[in-house]
Amino acid sequence: MTEELNMIYSEFRDSNKKTVEHFEVELVKIRAGKATPSMLQTVVVDYYGSPTPLNQVANIATMDARTLTVQPWEKSSLDAIMKGIIDSNLGFAPQNNGEMLIISVPPLTEERRKELVKRAKTDAEHAKVGVRNHRKEALDMVKSLKDEGLSEDLQKDAENEIQQITNKYVAQVDDILAKKEQEIMTI
């Protein structure tokens, strides 16, 4: 029985780890005022008729804290890249100098910062709900083992272990959120 319990714990940890990783990916999409190449990771470019991620057709770099540069590997794709950035709805207006695109990242207003914090908190809540759903699945698996002869003491120990793992991942989500909130609100 303990082998089955260890398998449940392992699956539970893996599911929660994936949930936290997904949460971190979602937070990367929320810009905090500083220009970073990851801001453009969701941009897709129509490259010779097929949708292609921007980072596969151009080099993205930061010129300074407020400016991104997009240097295409083929100058003929400059217009397609510009269109892709505009169509991505990120709120950027790239400037074309014939060689590369220059994107000025406007400073965030206080109101916009608060909206971004709200969005981050919403994403954090979704991650916590995911962790709680995984907890429910793990507890259901433990209950099914009770029908197969798991003692009540082992069941209680398993439920406590699952709750401790849940608390660990919820605290991890809270820590990540606090760092992102600090990053967004820092001018």
C-alpha atoms as a PDB file:
ATOM      1  CA  MET A   1       0.000   0.000   0.000  1.00  0.00           C
ATOM      2  CA  THR A   2       2.805   2.452   0.785  1.00  0.00           C
ATOM      3  CA  GLU A   3       4.104   2.016  -2.765  1.00  0.00           C
ATOM      4  CA  GLU A   4       0.735   3.150  -4.128  1.00  0.00           C
ATOM      5  CA  LEU A   5       0.710   6.088  -1.715  1.00  0.00           C
ATOM      6  CA  ASN A   6       4.201   7.140  -2.795  1.00  0.00           C
ATOM      7  CA  MET A   7       3.044   6.989  -6.412  1.00  0.00           C
ATOM      8  CA  ILE A   8       0.057   9.225  -5.561  1.00  0.00           C
ATOM      9  CA  TYR A   9       2.376  11.727  -3.823  1.00  0.00           C
ATOM     10  CA  SER A  10       4.746  11.709  -6.785  1.00  0.00           C
ATOM     11  CA  GLU A  11       1.963  12.307  -9.330  1.00  0.00           C
ATOM     12  CA  PHE A  12       0.508  15.016  -7.083  1.00  0.00           C
ATOM     13  CA  ARG A  13       3.863  16.827  -6.854  1.00  0.00           C
ATOM     14  CA  ASP A  14       4.396  16.574 -10.627  1.00  0.00           C
ATOM     15  CA  SER A  15       0.936  17.995 -11.367  1.00  0.00           C
ATOM     16  CA  ASN A  16       1.476  20.872  -8.958  1.00  0.00           C
ATOM     17  CA  LYS A  17       4.933  21.578 -10.360  1.00  0.00           C
ATOM     18  CA  LYS A  18       3.422  21.879 -13.853  1.00  0.00           C
ATOM     19  CA  THR A  19       0.709  24.191 -12.514  1.00  0.00           C
ATOM     20  CA  VAL A  20       3.310  26.490 -10.903  1.00  0.00           C
ATOM     21  CA  GLU A  21       5.453  26.457 -14.076  1.00  0.00           C
ATOM     22  CA  HIS A  22       2.407  27.439 -16.140  1.00  0.00           C
ATOM     23  CA  PHE A  23       1.695  30.258 -13.678  1.00  0.00           C
ATOM     24  CA  GLU A  24       5.260  31.530 -14.086  1.00  0.00           C
ATOM     25  CA  VAL A  25       4.885  31.490 -17.892  1.00  0.00           C
ATOM     26  CA  GLU A  26       1.671  33.506 -17.598  1.00  0.00           C
ATOM     27  CA  LEU A  27       3.413  36.071 -15.375  1.00  0.00           C
ATOM     28  CA  VAL A  28       6.197  36.557 -17.921  1.00  0.00           C
ATOM     29  CA  LYS A  29       3.533  37.886 -20.301  1.00  0.00           C
ATOM     30  CA  ILE A  30       2.725  40.694 -17.862  1.00  0.00           C
ATOM     31  CA  ARG A  31       5.202  43.467 -18.489  1.00  0.00           C
ATOM     32  CA  ALA A  32       6.577  45.369 -15.556  1.00  0.00           C
ATOM     33  CA  GLY A  33       7.794  48.505 -17.305  1.00  0.00           C
ATOM     34  CA  LYS A  34      11.271  47.322 -18.232  1.00  0.00           C
ATOM     35  CA  ALA A  35      11.860  46.226 -21.806  1.00  0.00           C
ATOM     36  CA  THR A  36      12.671  42.522 -22.057  1.00  0.00           C
ATOM     37  CA  PRO A  37      12.817  40.251 -25.120  1.00  0.00           C
ATOM     38  CA  SER A  38      10.315  37.905 -23.446  1.00  0.00           C
ATOM     39  CA  MET A  39       7.633  40.578 -24.000  1.00  0.00           C
ATOM     40  CA  LEU A  40       7.547  39.504 -27.636  1.00  0.00           C
ATOM     41  CA  GLN A  41       7.540  35.731 -27.066  1.00  0.00           C
ATOM     42  CA  THR A  42       3.870  35.417 -28.062  1.00  0.00           C
ATOM     43  CA  VAL A  43       4.302  37.275 -31.376  1.00  0.00           C
ATOM     44  CA  VAL A  44       3.705  35.164 -34.473  1.00  0.00           C
ATOM     45  CA  VAL A  45       4.894  36.315 -37.903  1.00  0.00           C
ATOM     46  CA  ASP A  46       3.558  35.287 -41.312  1.00  0.00           C
ATOM     47  CA  TYR A  47       6.877  34.010 -42.676  1.00  0.00           C
ATOM     48  CA  TYR A  48       6.605  32.823 -46.294  1.00  0.00           C
ATOM     49  CA  GLY A  49       2.977  31.870 -45.744  1.00  0.00           C
ATOM     50  CA  SER A  50       3.343  29.967 -42.486  1.00  0.00           C
ATOM     51  CA  PRO A  51       2.849  31.321 -38.941  1.00  0.00           C
ATOM     52  CA  THR A  52       6.255  31.354 -37.234  1.00  0.00           C
ATOM     53  CA  PRO A  53       7.285  32.559 -33.754  1.00  0.00           C
ATOM     54  CA  LEU A  54       9.126  35.886 -33.927  1.00  0.00           C
ATOM     55  CA  ASN A  55      12.240  34.528 -32.205  1.00  0.00           C
ATOM     56  CA  GLN A  56      12.702  32.089 -35.127  1.00  0.00           C
ATOM     57  CA  VAL A  57      12.896  34.846 -37.768  1.00  0.00           C
ATOM     58  CA  ALA A  58      14.656  37.662 -35.904  1.00  0.00           C
ATOM     59  CA  ASN A  59      17.012  38.532 -33.091  1.00  0.00           C
ATOM     60  CA  ILE A  60      15.291  40.375 -30.221  1.00  0.00           C
ATOM     61  CA  ALA A  61      17.440  42.485 -27.906  1.00  0.00           C
ATOM     62  CA  THR A  62      17.163  45.348 -25.440  1.00  0.00           C
ATOM     63  CA  MET A  63      18.859  48.599 -26.344  1.00  0.00           C
ATOM     64  CA  ASP A  64      18.146  50.120 -22.927  1.00  0.00           C
ATOM     65  CA  ALA A  65      15.573  49.770 -20.138  1.00  0.00           C
ATOM     66  CA  ARG A  66      12.800  51.209 -22.329  1.00  0.00           C
ATOM     67  CA  THR A  67      13.741  50.092 -25.856  1.00  0.00           C
ATOM     68  CA  LEU A  68      13.601  46.767 -27.708  1.00  0.00           C
ATOM     69  CA  THR A  69      15.229  46.074 -31.058  1.00  0.00           C
ATOM     70  CA  VAL A  70      14.106  43.418 -33.512  1.00  0.00           C
ATOM     71  CA  GLN A  71      16.774  42.580 -36.091  1.00  0.00           C
ATOM     72  CA  PRO A  72      15.361  40.258 -38.797  1.00  0.00           C
ATOM     73  CA  TRP A  73      17.623  37.649 -40.338  1.00  0.00           C
ATOM     74  CA  GLU A  74      16.198  38.607 -43.727  1.00  0.00           C
ATOM     75  CA  LYS A  75      15.482  42.281 -44.401  1.00  0.00           C
ATOM     76  CA  SER A  76      12.625  41.265 -46.720  1.00  0.00           C
ATOM     77  CA  SER A  77      10.681  40.015 -43.680  1.00  0.00           C
ATOM     78  CA  LEU A  78      10.797  43.388 -41.896  1.00  0.00           C
ATOM     79  CA  ASP A  79       7.238  44.361 -42.919  1.00  0.00           C
ATOM     80  CA  ALA A  80       5.823  40.951 -41.965  1.00  0.00           C
ATOM     81  CA  ILE A  81       7.489  41.182 -38.552  1.00  0.00           C
ATOM     82  CA  MET A  82       6.130  44.689 -38.031  1.00  0.00           C
ATOM     83  CA  LYS A  83       2.634  43.503 -38.949  1.00  0.00           C
ATOM     84  CA  GLY A  84       2.973  40.532 -36.563  1.00  0.00           C
ATOM     85  CA  ILE A  85       3.963  42.797 -33.665  1.00  0.00           C
ATOM     86  CA  ILE A  86       1.081  45.190 -34.332  1.00  0.00           C
ATOM     87  CA  ASP A  87      -1.418  42.318 -34.762  1.00  0.00           C
ATOM     88  CA  SER A  88      -0.292  40.708 -31.482  1.00  0.00           C
ATOM     89  CA  ASN A  89      -2.215  43.402 -29.566  1.00  0.00           C
ATOM     90  CA  LEU A  90       0.626  44.101 -27.130  1.00  0.00           C
ATOM     91  CA  GLY A  91       0.194  47.844 -27.530  1.00  0.00           C
ATOM     92  CA  PHE A  92       3.565  48.439 -29.208  1.00  0.00           C
ATOM     93  CA  ALA A  93       4.147  50.721 -32.207  1.00  0.00           C
ATOM     94  CA  PRO A  94       7.410  49.570 -33.820  1.00  0.00           C
ATOM     95  CA  GLN A  95       9.516  52.072 -35.774  1.00  0.00           C
ATOM     96  CA  ASN A  96      11.120  50.757 -38.973  1.00  0.00           C
ATOM     97  CA  ASN A  97      14.539  52.236 -39.829  1.00  0.00           C
ATOM     98  CA  GLY A  98      15.140  49.980 -42.832  1.00  0.00           C
ATOM     99  CA  GLU A  99      17.549  47.724 -40.931  1.00  0.00           C
ATOM    100  CA  MET A 100      15.588  46.766 -37.841  1.00  0.00           C
ATOM    101  CA  LEU A 101      12.497  47.580 -35.795  1.00  0.00           C
ATOM    102  CA  ILE A 102      12.833  49.767 -32.735  1.00  0.00           C
ATOM    103  CA  ILE A 103      10.114  49.453 -30.110  1.00  0.00           C
ATOM    104  CA  SER A 104       9.802  52.029 -27.355  1.00  0.00           C
ATOM    105  CA  VAL A 105       8.157  50.566 -24.286  1.00  0.00           C
ATOM    106  CA  PRO A 106       6.066  53.340 -22.740  1.00  0.00           C
ATOM    107  CA  PRO A 107       6.299  53.815 -18.979  1.00  0.00           C
ATOM    108  CA  LEU A 108       3.378  52.377 -17.055  1.00  0.00           C
ATOM    109  CA  THR A 109       0.879  54.683 -15.404  1.00  0.00           C
ATOM    110  CA  GLU A 110      -0.137  54.031 -11.799  1.00  0.00           C
ATOM    111  CA  GLU A 111      -3.572  52.918 -12.991  1.00  0.00           C
ATOM    112  CA  ARG A 112      -2.066  50.476 -15.500  1.00  0.00           C
ATOM    113  CA  ARG A 113       0.264  49.077 -12.824  1.00  0.00           C
ATOM    114  CA  LYS A 114      -2.739  48.366 -10.599  1.00  0.00           C
ATOM    115  CA  GLU A 115      -4.517  46.622 -13.503  1.00  0.00           C
ATOM    116  CA  LEU A 116      -1.450  44.456 -14.093  1.00  0.00           C
ATOM    117  CA  VAL A 117      -1.283  43.541 -10.395  1.00  0.00           C
ATOM    118  CA  LYS A 118      -4.970  42.541 -10.555  1.00  0.00           C
ATOM    119  CA  ARG A 119      -4.260  40.364 -13.580  1.00  0.00           C
ATOM    120  CA  ALA A 120      -1.316  38.742 -11.792  1.00  0.00           C
ATOM    121  CA  LYS A 121      -3.510  38.051  -8.753  1.00  0.00           C
ATOM    122  CA  THR A 122      -6.151  36.484 -11.008  1.00  0.00           C
ATOM    123  CA  ASP A 123      -3.510  34.238 -12.562  1.00  0.00           C
ATOM    124  CA  ALA A 124      -2.291  33.319  -9.061  1.00  0.00           C
ATOM    125  CA  GLU A 125      -5.821  32.399  -8.016  1.00  0.00           C
ATOM    126  CA  HIS A 126      -6.162  30.165 -11.086  1.00  0.00           C
ATOM    127  CA  ALA A 127      -2.908  28.447 -10.133  1.00  0.00           C
ATOM    128  CA  LYS A 128      -4.141  27.901  -6.562  1.00  0.00           C
ATOM    129  CA  VAL A 129      -7.418  26.459  -7.869  1.00  0.00           C
ATOM    130  CA  GLY A 130      -5.350  24.107 -10.023  1.00  0.00           C
ATOM    131  CA  VAL A 131      -3.356  22.975  -6.973  1.00  0.00           C
ATOM    132  CA  ARG A 132      -6.587  22.423  -5.016  1.00  0.00           C
ATOM    133  CA  ASN A 133      -8.077  20.411  -7.881  1.00  0.00           C
ATOM    134  CA  HIS A 134      -4.976  18.213  -7.886  1.00  0.00           C
ATOM    135  CA  ARG A 135      -5.413  17.792  -4.112  1.00  0.00           C
ATOM    136  CA  LYS A 136      -8.988  16.602  -4.630  1.00  0.00           C
ATOM    137  CA  GLU A 137      -7.838  14.077  -7.245  1.00  0.00           C
ATOM    138  CA  ALA A 138      -5.105  12.788  -4.911  1.00  0.00           C
ATOM    139  CA  LEU A 139      -7.536  12.484  -1.994  1.00  0.00           C
ATOM    140  CA  ASP A 140      -9.971  10.588  -4.236  1.00  0.00           C
ATOM    141  CA  MET A 141      -7.166   8.154  -5.121  1.00  0.00           C
ATOM    142  CA  VAL A 142      -6.402   7.656  -1.424  1.00  0.00           C
ATOM    143  CA  LYS A 143     -10.101   6.977  -0.734  1.00  0.00           C
ATOM    144  CA  SER A 144     -10.154   4.371  -3.491  1.00  0.00           C
ATOM    145  CA  LEU A 145      -7.210   2.662  -1.767  1.00  0.00           C
ATOM    146  CA  LYS A 146      -9.247   2.519   1.447  1.00  0.00           C
ATOM    147  CA  ASP A 147     -11.714   0.286  -0.378  1.00  0.00           C
ATOM    148  CA  GLU A 148      -8.777  -1.971  -1.267  1.00  0.00           C
ATOM    149  CA  GLY A 149      -7.786  -2.399   2.371  1.00  0.00           C
ATOM    150  CA  LEU A 150      -5.859   0.751   3.352  1.00  0.00           C
ATOM    151  CA  SER A 151      -6.030   1.234   7.127  1.00  0.00           C
ATOM    152  CA  GLU A 152      -7.637   4.369   8.567  1.00  0.00           C
ATOM    153  CA  ASP A 153      -4.343   5.455  10.161  1.00  0.00           C
ATOM    154  CA  LEU A 154      -2.535   5.269   6.821  1.00  0.00           C
ATOM    155  CA  GLN A 155      -5.417   7.112   5.160  1.00  0.00           C
ATOM    156  CA  LYS A 156      -5.214   9.946   7.717  1.00  0.00           C
ATOM    157  CA  ASP A 157      -1.413  10.117   7.317  1.00  0.00           C
ATOM    158  CA  ALA A 158      -1.822  10.248   3.533  1.00  0.00           C
ATOM    159  CA  GLU A 159      -4.417  13.026   3.779  1.00  0.00           C
ATOM    160  CA  ASN A 160      -2.074  15.016   6.060  1.00  0.00           C
ATOM    161  CA  GLU A 161       0.848  14.513   3.647  1.00  0.00           C
ATOM    162  CA  ILE A 162      -1.281  15.662   0.696  1.00  0.00           C
ATOM    163  CA  GLN A 163      -2.364  18.761   2.639  1.00  0.00           C
ATOM    164  CA  GLN A 164       1.260  19.599   3.490  1.00  0.00           C
ATOM    165  CA  ILE A 165       2.237  19.293  -0.181  1.00  0.00           C
ATOM    166  CA  THR A 166      -0.746  21.498  -1.112  1.00  0.00           C
ATOM    167  CA  ASN A 167       0.305  24.140   1.435  1.00  0.00           C
ATOM    168  CA  LYS A 168       3.857  24.110   0.042  1.00  0.00           C
ATOM    169  CA  TYR A 169       2.706  24.775  -3.537  1.00  0.00           C
ATOM    170  CA  VAL A 170       0.139  27.420  -2.533  1.00  0.00           C
ATOM    171  CA  ALA A 171       2.902  29.217  -0.588  1.00  0.00           C
ATOM    172  CA  GLN A 172       5.162  28.942  -3.657  1.00  0.00           C
ATOM    173  CA  VAL A 173       2.458  30.603  -5.806  1.00  0.00           C
ATOM    174  CA  ASP A 174       2.087  33.367  -3.193  1.00  0.00           C
ATOM    175  CA  ASP A 175       5.865  33.977  -3.162  1.00  0.00           C
ATOM    176  CA  ILE A 176       6.037  34.207  -6.960  1.00  0.00           C
ATOM    177  CA  LEU A 177       3.060  36.588  -6.968  1.00  0.00           C
ATOM    178  CA  ALA A 178       4.629  38.818  -4.295  1.00  0.00           C
ATOM    179  CA  LYS A 179       7.838  39.135  -6.346  1.00  0.00           C
ATOM    180  CA  LYS A 180       5.908  39.959  -9.523  1.00  0.00           C
ATOM    181  CA  GLU A 181       3.742  42.484  -7.676  1.00  0.00           C
ATOM    182  CA  GLN A 182       6.882  44.172  -6.321  1.00  0.00           C
ATOM    183  CA  GLU A 183       8.378  44.201  -9.834  1.00  0.00           C
ATOM    184  CA  ILE A 184       5.235  45.759 -11.351  1.00  0.00           C
ATOM    185  CA  MET A 185       4.840  48.457  -8.708  1.00  0.00           C
ATOM    186  CA  THR A 186       8.531  49.480  -8.765  1.00  0.00           C
ATOM    187  CA  ILE A 187       8.998  52.540 -10.933  1.00  0.00           C
END
